[in-house]
Amino acid sequence: MTTSTQPLFIRNGNAVINASAATTLTHNGDFTLLLDAKCKKVAFEQGESSVALFDRVKKVIKPHEKYALKLENGGFIDARVISTVFVSPKTENLVVV
């Protein structure tokens, strides 16, 4: 589980969710995605507001010391939820599933 110093409640559509339940935090420029320890979506944000959400969440939620793969942009992936990793033949990007 991630180490969070405090709960972080964010608006997600009509609901308010606790983002500190996330163990994976990714941002690719177009969207921010938060996943929990069972790889279920905690939050997904697209557009300009996704950058603000990413910056807010990465200040509060810290990656797990043993299991997190830390990304260059400050995001992280919980390695325990990864089932497949491959290079996309179309984009040549690394894809983590």
PDB file of N, CA and C in Angstrom:
ATOM      1  N   MET A   1       0.840  -1.180   0.000  1.00  0.00           N
ATOM      2  CA  MET A   1       0.000   0.000   0.000  1.00  0.00           C
ATOM      3  C   MET A   1       0.880   1.237   0.000  1.00  0.00           C
ATOM      4  N   THR A   2       0.400   2.302  -0.556  1.00  0.00           N
ATOM      5  CA  THR A   2       1.166   3.537  -0.587  1.00  0.00           C
ATOM      6  C   THR A   2       1.185   4.171   0.790  1.00  0.00           C
ATOM      7  N   THR A   3       2.116   5.063   0.969  1.00  0.00           N
ATOM      8  CA  THR A   3       2.195   5.807   2.209  1.00  0.00           C
ATOM      9  C   THR A   3       1.643   7.193   1.957  1.00  0.00           C
ATOM     10  N   SER A   4       0.566   7.518   2.599  1.00  0.00           N
ATOM     11  CA  SER A   4      -0.048   8.829   2.434  1.00  0.00           C
ATOM     12  C   SER A   4      -0.053   9.526   3.782  1.00  0.00           C
ATOM     13  N   THR A   5       0.362  10.774   3.801  1.00  0.00           N
ATOM     14  CA  THR A   5       0.393  11.502   5.061  1.00  0.00           C
ATOM     15  C   THR A   5      -0.988  11.966   5.491  1.00  0.00           C
ATOM     16  N   GLN A   6      -1.891  12.073   4.548  1.00  0.00           N
ATOM     17  CA  GLN A   6      -3.240  12.533   4.861  1.00  0.00           C
ATOM     18  C   GLN A   6      -4.201  12.078   3.777  1.00  0.00           C
ATOM     19  N   PRO A   7      -5.481  11.972   4.082  1.00  0.00           N
ATOM     20  CA  PRO A   7      -6.449  11.648   3.039  1.00  0.00           C
ATOM     21  C   PRO A   7      -6.557  12.814   2.059  1.00  0.00           C
ATOM     22  N   LEU A   8      -6.845  12.487   0.821  1.00  0.00           N
ATOM     23  CA  LEU A   8      -7.029  13.511  -0.205  1.00  0.00           C
ATOM     24  C   LEU A   8      -8.342  13.219  -0.908  1.00  0.00           C
ATOM     25  N   PHE A   9      -9.341  14.031  -0.648  1.00  0.00           N
ATOM     26  CA  PHE A   9     -10.645  13.860  -1.268  1.00  0.00           C
ATOM     27  C   PHE A   9     -10.728  14.755  -2.498  1.00  0.00           C
ATOM     28  N   ILE A  10     -11.120  14.151  -3.628  1.00  0.00           N
ATOM     29  CA  ILE A  10     -11.232  14.889  -4.883  1.00  0.00           C
ATOM     30  C   ILE A  10     -12.584  14.600  -5.524  1.00  0.00           C
ATOM     31  N   ARG A  11     -13.029  15.536  -6.330  1.00  0.00           N
ATOM     32  CA  ARG A  11     -14.282  15.352  -7.063  1.00  0.00           C
ATOM     33  C   ARG A  11     -14.000  14.501  -8.288  1.00  0.00           C
ATOM     34  N   ASN A  12     -14.839  13.499  -8.500  1.00  0.00           N
ATOM     35  CA  ASN A  12     -14.731  12.616  -9.658  1.00  0.00           C
ATOM     36  C   ASN A  12     -16.139  12.483 -10.239  1.00  0.00           C
ATOM     37  N   GLY A  13     -16.476  13.361 -11.175  1.00  0.00           N
ATOM     38  CA  GLY A  13     -17.838  13.381 -11.695  1.00  0.00           C
ATOM     39  C   GLY A  13     -18.770  13.917 -10.631  1.00  0.00           C
ATOM     40  N   ASN A  14     -19.804  13.153 -10.285  1.00  0.00           N
ATOM     41  CA  ASN A  14     -20.746  13.561  -9.250  1.00  0.00           C
ATOM     42  C   ASN A  14     -20.340  13.088  -7.864  1.00  0.00           C
ATOM     43  N   ALA A  15     -19.286  12.298  -7.780  1.00  0.00           N
ATOM     44  CA  ALA A  15     -18.862  11.730  -6.503  1.00  0.00           C
ATOM     45  C   ALA A  15     -17.625  12.448  -5.964  1.00  0.00           C
ATOM     46  N   VAL A  16     -17.379  12.257  -4.687  1.00  0.00           N
ATOM     47  CA  VAL A  16     -16.136  12.693  -4.056  1.00  0.00           C
ATOM     48  C   VAL A  16     -15.448  11.424  -3.582  1.00  0.00           C
ATOM     49  N   ILE A  17     -14.191  11.235  -4.010  1.00  0.00           N
ATOM     50  CA  ILE A  17     -13.478  10.000  -3.694  1.00  0.00           C
ATOM     51  C   ILE A  17     -12.223  10.305  -2.893  1.00  0.00           C
ATOM     52  N   ASN A  18     -11.738   9.294  -2.184  1.00  0.00           N
ATOM     53  CA  ASN A  18     -10.497   9.419  -1.431  1.00  0.00           C
ATOM     54  C   ASN A  18      -9.348   8.960  -2.321  1.00  0.00           C
ATOM     55  N   ALA A  19      -8.606   9.890  -2.881  1.00  0.00           N
ATOM     56  CA  ALA A  19      -7.514   9.571  -3.798  1.00  0.00           C
ATOM     57  C   ALA A  19      -6.351   8.888  -3.095  1.00  0.00           C
ATOM     58  N   SER A  20      -6.269   8.976  -1.783  1.00  0.00           N
ATOM     59  CA  SER A  20      -5.165   8.342  -1.070  1.00  0.00           C
ATOM     60  C   SER A  20      -5.280   6.819  -1.067  1.00  0.00           C
ATOM     61  N   ALA A  21      -6.369   6.269  -1.607  1.00  0.00           N
ATOM     62  CA  ALA A  21      -6.501   4.818  -1.775  1.00  0.00           C
ATOM     63  C   ALA A  21      -5.700   4.319  -2.975  1.00  0.00           C
ATOM     64  N   ALA A  22      -5.179   5.223  -3.786  1.00  0.00           N
ATOM     65  CA  ALA A  22      -4.458   4.839  -5.006  1.00  0.00           C
ATOM     66  C   ALA A  22      -3.072   4.284  -4.689  1.00  0.00           C
ATOM     67  N   THR A  23      -2.681   3.242  -5.426  1.00  0.00           N
ATOM     68  CA  THR A  23      -1.326   2.697  -5.341  1.00  0.00           C
ATOM     69  C   THR A  23      -0.568   2.918  -6.638  1.00  0.00           C
ATOM     70  N   THR A  24      -1.267   3.375  -7.672  1.00  0.00           N
ATOM     71  CA  THR A  24      -0.661   3.699  -8.965  1.00  0.00           C
ATOM     72  C   THR A  24      -1.134   5.087  -9.376  1.00  0.00           C
ATOM     73  N   LEU A  25      -0.175   5.908  -9.806  1.00  0.00           N
ATOM     74  CA  LEU A  25      -0.464   7.263 -10.270  1.00  0.00           C
ATOM     75  C   LEU A  25       0.312   7.492 -11.556  1.00  0.00           C
ATOM     76  N   THR A  26      -0.392   7.700 -12.657  1.00  0.00           N
ATOM     77  CA  THR A  26       0.278   7.955 -13.932  1.00  0.00           C
ATOM     78  C   THR A  26      -0.302   9.197 -14.593  1.00  0.00           C
ATOM     79  N   HIS A  27       0.556   9.851 -15.370  1.00  0.00           N
ATOM     80  CA  HIS A  27       0.136  11.016 -16.157  1.00  0.00           C
ATOM     81  C   HIS A  27       0.935  10.993 -17.449  1.00  0.00           C
ATOM     82  N   ASN A  28       0.253  11.120 -18.579  1.00  0.00           N
ATOM     83  CA  ASN A  28       0.959  11.049 -19.860  1.00  0.00           C
ATOM     84  C   ASN A  28       0.877  12.335 -20.669  1.00  0.00           C
ATOM     85  N   GLY A  29       0.426  13.413 -20.081  1.00  0.00           N
ATOM     86  CA  GLY A  29       0.272  14.664 -20.810  1.00  0.00           C
ATOM     87  C   GLY A  29      -1.167  14.925 -21.198  1.00  0.00           C
ATOM     88  N   ASP A  30      -1.913  13.868 -21.492  1.00  0.00           N
ATOM     89  CA  ASP A  30      -3.321  13.993 -21.874  1.00  0.00           C
ATOM     90  C   ASP A  30      -4.273  13.640 -20.740  1.00  0.00           C
ATOM     91  N   PHE A  31      -3.855  12.732 -19.862  1.00  0.00           N
ATOM     92  CA  PHE A  31      -4.734  12.313 -18.776  1.00  0.00           C
ATOM     93  C   PHE A  31      -3.940  11.873 -17.558  1.00  0.00           C
ATOM     94  N   THR A  32      -4.629  11.861 -16.416  1.00  0.00           N
ATOM     95  CA  THR A  32      -4.092  11.340 -15.160  1.00  0.00           C
ATOM     96  C   THR A  32      -4.973  10.176 -14.748  1.00  0.00           C
ATOM     97  N   LEU A  33      -4.333   9.082 -14.333  1.00  0.00           N
ATOM     98  CA  LEU A  33      -5.043   7.871 -13.931  1.00  0.00           C
ATOM     99  C   LEU A  33      -4.539   7.417 -12.576  1.00  0.00           C
ATOM    100  N   LEU A  34      -5.468   7.141 -11.665  1.00  0.00           N
ATOM    101  CA  LEU A  34      -5.155   6.586 -10.356  1.00  0.00           C
ATOM    102  C   LEU A  34      -5.818   5.225 -10.251  1.00  0.00           C
ATOM    103  N   LEU A  35      -5.048   4.216  -9.837  1.00  0.00           N
ATOM    104  CA  LEU A  35      -5.557   2.856  -9.656  1.00  0.00           C
ATOM    105  C   LEU A  35      -5.305   2.410  -8.227  1.00  0.00           C
ATOM    106  N   ASP A  36      -6.171   1.541  -7.703  1.00  0.00           N
ATOM    107  CA  ASP A  36      -5.970   1.018  -6.353  1.00  0.00           C
ATOM    108  C   ASP A  36      -5.150  -0.270  -6.392  1.00  0.00           C
ATOM    109  N   ALA A  37      -4.990  -0.915  -5.256  1.00  0.00           N
ATOM    110  CA  ALA A  37      -4.160  -2.113  -5.141  1.00  0.00           C
ATOM    111  C   ALA A  37      -4.711  -3.304  -5.922  1.00  0.00           C
ATOM    112  N   LYS A  38      -5.988  -3.258  -6.304  1.00  0.00           N
ATOM    113  CA  LYS A  38      -6.584  -4.331  -7.105  1.00  0.00           C
ATOM    114  C   LYS A  38      -6.699  -3.926  -8.567  1.00  0.00           C
ATOM    115  N   CYS A  39      -6.024  -2.847  -8.943  1.00  0.00           N
ATOM    116  CA  CYS A  39      -5.984  -2.322 -10.313  1.00  0.00           C
ATOM    117  C   CYS A  39      -7.347  -1.791 -10.771  1.00  0.00           C
ATOM    118  N   LYS A  40      -8.161  -1.365  -9.829  1.00  0.00           N
ATOM    119  CA  LYS A  40      -9.442  -0.747 -10.169  1.00  0.00           C
ATOM    120  C   LYS A  40      -9.266   0.765 -10.175  1.00  0.00           C
ATOM    121  N   LYS A  41      -9.978   1.418 -11.073  1.00  0.00           N
ATOM    122  CA  LYS A  41      -9.858   2.863 -11.229  1.00  0.00           C
ATOM    123  C   LYS A  41     -10.333   3.596  -9.981  1.00  0.00           C
ATOM    124  N   VAL A  42      -9.478   4.458  -9.468  1.00  0.00           N
ATOM    125  CA  VAL A  42      -9.851   5.359  -8.386  1.00  0.00           C
ATOM    126  C   VAL A  42     -10.315   6.676  -8.995  1.00  0.00           C
ATOM    127  N   ALA A  43      -9.540   7.177  -9.973  1.00  0.00           N
ATOM    128  CA  ALA A  43      -9.904   8.426 -10.650  1.00  0.00           C
ATOM    129  C   ALA A  43      -9.261   8.471 -12.025  1.00  0.00           C
ATOM    130  N   PHE A  44      -9.931   9.165 -12.938  1.00  0.00           N
ATOM    131  CA  PHE A  44      -9.429   9.383 -14.289  1.00  0.00           C
ATOM    132  C   PHE A  44      -9.812  10.793 -14.691  1.00  0.00           C
ATOM    133  N   GLU A  45      -8.833  11.585 -15.086  1.00  0.00           N
ATOM    134  CA  GLU A  45      -9.085  12.978 -15.460  1.00  0.00           C
ATOM    135  C   GLU A  45      -8.388  13.282 -16.777  1.00  0.00           C
ATOM    136  N   GLN A  46      -9.121  13.896 -17.708  1.00  0.00           N
ATOM    137  CA  GLN A  46      -8.561  14.283 -19.001  1.00  0.00           C
ATOM    138  C   GLN A  46      -8.516  15.795 -19.115  1.00  0.00           C
ATOM    139  N   GLY A  47      -7.670  16.279 -20.023  1.00  0.00           N
ATOM    140  CA  GLY A  47      -7.635  17.706 -20.316  1.00  0.00           C
ATOM    141  C   GLY A  47      -6.701  18.473 -19.410  1.00  0.00           C
ATOM    142  N   GLU A  48      -6.872  19.788 -19.417  1.00  0.00           N
ATOM    143  CA  GLU A  48      -5.990  20.676 -18.668  1.00  0.00           C
ATOM    144  C   GLU A  48      -6.031  20.418 -17.168  1.00  0.00           C
ATOM    145  N   SER A  49      -7.169  20.036 -16.646  1.00  0.00           N
ATOM    146  CA  SER A  49      -7.288  19.795 -15.205  1.00  0.00           C
ATOM    147  C   SER A  49      -6.530  18.550 -14.761  1.00  0.00           C
ATOM    148  N   SER A  50      -6.146  17.689 -15.703  1.00  0.00           N
ATOM    149  CA  SER A  50      -5.427  16.468 -15.334  1.00  0.00           C
ATOM    150  C   SER A  50      -4.036  16.777 -14.786  1.00  0.00           C
ATOM    151  N   VAL A  51      -3.401  17.826 -15.274  1.00  0.00           N
ATOM    152  CA  VAL A  51      -2.073  18.211 -14.783  1.00  0.00           C
ATOM    153  C   VAL A  51      -2.165  18.674 -13.333  1.00  0.00           C
ATOM    154  N   ALA A  52      -3.156  19.496 -13.033  1.00  0.00           N
ATOM    155  CA  ALA A  52      -3.348  19.984 -11.667  1.00  0.00           C
ATOM    156  C   ALA A  52      -3.642  18.831 -10.716  1.00  0.00           C
ATOM    157  N   LEU A  53      -4.470  17.884 -11.153  1.00  0.00           N
ATOM    158  CA  LEU A  53      -4.772  16.719 -10.325  1.00  0.00           C
ATOM    159  C   LEU A  53      -3.511  15.906 -10.067  1.00  0.00           C
ATOM    160  N   PHE A  54      -2.731  15.651 -11.099  1.00  0.00           N
ATOM    161  CA  PHE A  54      -1.491  14.885 -10.955  1.00  0.00           C
ATOM    162  C   PHE A  54      -0.553  15.558  -9.952  1.00  0.00           C
ATOM    163  N   ASP A  55      -0.354  16.857 -10.089  1.00  0.00           N
ATOM    164  CA  ASP A  55       0.537  17.581  -9.177  1.00  0.00           C
ATOM    165  C   ASP A  55       0.028  17.537  -7.743  1.00  0.00           C
ATOM    166  N   ARG A  56      -1.272  17.660  -7.566  1.00  0.00           N
ATOM    167  CA  ARG A  56      -1.872  17.614  -6.229  1.00  0.00           C
ATOM    168  C   ARG A  56      -1.700  16.249  -5.580  1.00  0.00           C
ATOM    169  N   VAL A  57      -1.982  15.205  -6.357  1.00  0.00           N
ATOM    170  CA  VAL A  57      -1.943  13.845  -5.812  1.00  0.00           C
ATOM    171  C   VAL A  57      -0.517  13.413  -5.499  1.00  0.00           C
ATOM    172  N   LYS A  58       0.440  13.725  -6.361  1.00  0.00           N
ATOM    173  CA  LYS A  58       1.811  13.255  -6.118  1.00  0.00           C
ATOM    174  C   LYS A  58       2.460  13.938  -4.919  1.00  0.00           C
ATOM    175  N   LYS A  59       1.902  15.061  -4.462  1.00  0.00           N
ATOM    176  CA  LYS A  59       2.400  15.703  -3.244  1.00  0.00           C
ATOM    177  C   LYS A  59       1.915  14.984  -1.990  1.00  0.00           C
ATOM    178  N   VAL A  60       0.754  14.353  -2.079  1.00  0.00           N
ATOM    179  CA  VAL A  60       0.142  13.718  -0.907  1.00  0.00           C
ATOM    180  C   VAL A  60       0.449  12.228  -0.841  1.00  0.00           C
ATOM    181  N   ILE A  61       0.353  11.534  -1.964  1.00  0.00           N
ATOM    182  CA  ILE A  61       0.541  10.087  -1.986  1.00  0.00           C
ATOM    183  C   ILE A  61       1.979   9.772  -2.361  1.00  0.00           C
ATOM    184  N   LYS A  62       2.613   8.962  -1.546  1.00  0.00           N
ATOM    185  CA  LYS A  62       3.988   8.548  -1.809  1.00  0.00           C
ATOM    186  C   LYS A  62       3.987   7.083  -2.240  1.00  0.00           C
ATOM    187  N   PRO A  63       4.860   6.714  -3.180  1.00  0.00           N
ATOM    188  CA  PRO A  63       4.892   5.326  -3.655  1.00  0.00           C
ATOM    189  C   PRO A  63       5.397   4.361  -2.591  1.00  0.00           C
ATOM    190  N   HIS A  64       4.957   3.115  -2.690  1.00  0.00           N
ATOM    191  CA  HIS A  64       5.410   2.059  -1.791  1.00  0.00           C
ATOM    192  C   HIS A  64       6.903   1.847  -2.005  1.00  0.00           C
ATOM    193  N   GLU A  65       7.661   1.754  -0.935  1.00  0.00           N
ATOM    194  CA  GLU A  65       9.120   1.649  -1.050  1.00  0.00           C
ATOM    195  C   GLU A  65       9.577   0.368  -1.731  1.00  0.00           C
ATOM    196  N   LYS A  66       8.881  -0.739  -1.507  1.00  0.00           N
ATOM    197  CA  LYS A  66       9.306  -2.026  -2.073  1.00  0.00           C
ATOM    198  C   LYS A  66       8.729  -2.301  -3.450  1.00  0.00           C
ATOM    199  N   TYR A  67       7.503  -1.897  -3.706  1.00  0.00           N
ATOM    200  CA  TYR A  67       6.786  -2.384  -4.881  1.00  0.00           C
ATOM    201  C   TYR A  67       6.535  -1.349  -5.976  1.00  0.00           C
ATOM    202  N   ALA A  68       6.870  -0.105  -5.748  1.00  0.00           N
ATOM    203  CA  ALA A  68       6.550   0.924  -6.742  1.00  0.00           C
ATOM    204  C   ALA A  68       7.657   1.069  -7.780  1.00  0.00           C
ATOM    205  N   LEU A  69       7.240   1.177  -9.025  1.00  0.00           N
ATOM    206  CA  LEU A  69       8.143   1.549 -10.107  1.00  0.00           C
ATOM    207  C   LEU A  69       7.970   3.049 -10.285  1.00  0.00           C
ATOM    208  N   LYS A  70       9.001   3.805  -9.974  1.00  0.00           N
ATOM    209  CA  LYS A  70       8.907   5.262 -10.030  1.00  0.00           C
ATOM    210  C   LYS A  70       9.160   5.743 -11.450  1.00  0.00           C
ATOM    211  N   LEU A  71       8.312   6.634 -11.905  1.00  0.00           N
ATOM    212  CA  LEU A  71       8.393   7.177 -13.255  1.00  0.00           C
ATOM    213  C   LEU A  71       9.123   8.518 -13.242  1.00  0.00           C
ATOM    214  N   GLU A  72       9.668   8.901 -14.382  1.00  0.00           N
ATOM    215  CA  GLU A  72      10.448  10.137 -14.477  1.00  0.00           C
ATOM    216  C   GLU A  72       9.658  11.384 -14.096  1.00  0.00           C
ATOM    217  N   ASN A  73       8.373  11.391 -14.349  1.00  0.00           N
ATOM    218  CA  ASN A  73       7.559  12.583 -14.095  1.00  0.00           C
ATOM    219  C   ASN A  73       7.032  12.668 -12.658  1.00  0.00           C
ATOM    220  N   GLY A  74       7.421  11.727 -11.800  1.00  0.00           N
ATOM    221  CA  GLY A  74       6.959  11.739 -10.417  1.00  0.00           C
ATOM    222  C   GLY A  74       5.825  10.777 -10.146  1.00  0.00           C
ATOM    223  N   GLY A  75       5.291  10.164 -11.186  1.00  0.00           N
ATOM    224  CA  GLY A  75       4.255   9.150 -11.018  1.00  0.00           C
ATOM    225  C   GLY A  75       4.873   7.829 -10.590  1.00  0.00           C
ATOM    226  N   PHE A  76       4.034   6.838 -10.371  1.00  0.00           N
ATOM    227  CA  PHE A  76       4.525   5.524  -9.966  1.00  0.00           C
ATOM    228  C   PHE A  76       3.496   4.463 -10.309  1.00  0.00           C
ATOM    229  N   ILE A  77       3.990   3.233 -10.488  1.00  0.00           N
ATOM    230  CA  ILE A  77       3.142   2.085 -10.800  1.00  0.00           C
ATOM    231  C   ILE A  77       3.391   1.023  -9.743  1.00  0.00           C
ATOM    232  N   ASP A  78       2.337   0.488  -9.165  1.00  0.00           N
ATOM    233  CA  ASP A  78       2.437  -0.613  -8.202  1.00  0.00           C
ATOM    234  C   ASP A  78       2.759  -1.879  -8.988  1.00  0.00           C
ATOM    235  N   ALA A  79       3.959  -2.400  -8.829  1.00  0.00           N
ATOM    236  CA  ALA A  79       4.420  -3.555  -9.604  1.00  0.00           C
ATOM    237  C   ALA A  79       3.594  -4.807  -9.337  1.00  0.00           C
ATOM    238  N   ARG A  80       2.894  -4.867  -8.222  1.00  0.00           N
ATOM    239  CA  ARG A  80       2.101  -6.058  -7.888  1.00  0.00           C
ATOM    240  C   ARG A  80       0.873  -6.211  -8.774  1.00  0.00           C
ATOM    241  N   VAL A  81       0.479  -5.179  -9.498  1.00  0.00           N
ATOM    242  CA  VAL A  81      -0.714  -5.276 -10.341  1.00  0.00           C
ATOM    243  C   VAL A  81      -0.375  -5.456 -11.818  1.00  0.00           C
ATOM    244  N   ILE A  82       0.900  -5.530 -12.155  1.00  0.00           N
ATOM    245  CA  ILE A  82       1.312  -5.675 -13.556  1.00  0.00           C
ATOM    246  C   ILE A  82       1.181  -7.132 -13.976  1.00  0.00           C
ATOM    247  N   SER A  83       0.510  -7.364 -15.107  1.00  0.00           N
ATOM    248  CA  SER A  83       0.409  -8.726 -15.630  1.00  0.00           C
ATOM    249  C   SER A  83       1.239  -8.899 -16.890  1.00  0.00           C
ATOM    250  N   THR A  84       1.358  -7.855 -17.712  1.00  0.00           N
ATOM    251  CA  THR A  84       2.079  -7.945 -18.982  1.00  0.00           C
ATOM    252  C   THR A  84       2.765  -6.620 -19.278  1.00  0.00           C
ATOM    253  N   VAL A  85       3.958  -6.706 -19.858  1.00  0.00           N
ATOM    254  CA  VAL A  85       4.676  -5.521 -20.322  1.00  0.00           C
ATOM    255  C   VAL A  85       5.185  -5.822 -21.718  1.00  0.00           C
ATOM    256  N   PHE A  86       4.960  -4.900 -22.668  1.00  0.00           N
ATOM    257  CA  PHE A  86       5.470  -5.102 -24.020  1.00  0.00           C
ATOM    258  C   PHE A  86       5.685  -3.758 -24.700  1.00  0.00           C
ATOM    259  N   VAL A  87       6.448  -3.777 -25.788  1.00  0.00           N
ATOM    260  CA  VAL A  87       6.669  -2.584 -26.598  1.00  0.00           C
ATOM    261  C   VAL A  87       5.657  -2.604 -27.733  1.00  0.00           C
ATOM    262  N   SER A  88       4.909  -1.524 -27.863  1.00  0.00           N
ATOM    263  CA  SER A  88       3.903  -1.429 -28.916  1.00  0.00           C
ATOM    264  C   SER A  88       4.587  -1.378 -30.278  1.00  0.00           C
ATOM    265  N   PRO A  89       4.205  -2.280 -31.196  1.00  0.00           N
ATOM    266  CA  PRO A  89       4.804  -2.248 -32.525  1.00  0.00           C
ATOM    267  C   PRO A  89       4.394  -1.001 -33.315  1.00  0.00           C
ATOM    268  N   LYS A  90       3.277  -0.414 -32.949  1.00  0.00           N
ATOM    269  CA  LYS A  90       2.778   0.758 -33.668  1.00  0.00           C
ATOM    270  C   LYS A  90       3.452   2.052 -33.202  1.00  0.00           C
ATOM    271  N   THR A  91       3.517   2.253 -31.879  1.00  0.00           N
ATOM    272  CA  THR A  91       4.059   3.507 -31.338  1.00  0.00           C
ATOM    273  C   THR A  91       5.471   3.369 -30.789  1.00  0.00           C
ATOM    274  N   GLU A  92       5.903   2.133 -30.566  1.00  0.00           N
ATOM    275  CA  GLU A  92       7.194   1.821 -29.947  1.00  0.00           C
ATOM    276  C   GLU A  92       7.271   2.302 -28.499  1.00  0.00           C
ATOM    277  N   ASN A  93       6.117   2.538 -27.872  1.00  0.00           N
ATOM    278  CA  ASN A  93       6.060   2.887 -26.457  1.00  0.00           C
ATOM    279  C   ASN A  93       5.999   1.620 -25.626  1.00  0.00           C
ATOM    280  N   LEU A  94       6.502   1.699 -24.405  1.00  0.00           N
ATOM    281  CA  LEU A  94       6.377   0.595 -23.469  1.00  0.00           C
ATOM    282  C   LEU A  94       4.950   0.597 -22.929  1.00  0.00           C
ATOM    283  N   VAL A  95       4.273  -0.539 -23.012  1.00  0.00           N
ATOM    284  CA  VAL A  95       2.891  -0.661 -22.553  1.00  0.00           C
ATOM    285  C   VAL A  95       2.874  -1.595 -21.349  1.00  0.00           C
ATOM    286  N   VAL A  96       2.290  -1.129 -20.260  1.00  0.00           N
ATOM    287  CA  VAL A  96       2.187  -1.910 -19.030  1.00  0.00           C
ATOM    288  C   VAL A  96       0.718  -2.223 -18.816  1.00  0.00           C
ATOM    289  N   VAL A  97       0.385  -3.523 -18.708  1.00  0.00           N
ATOM    290  CA  VAL A  97      -0.998  -3.955 -18.526  1.00  0.00           C
ATOM    291  C   VAL A  97      -1.106  -4.711 -17.216  1.00  0.00           C
TER     292      VAL A  97
END
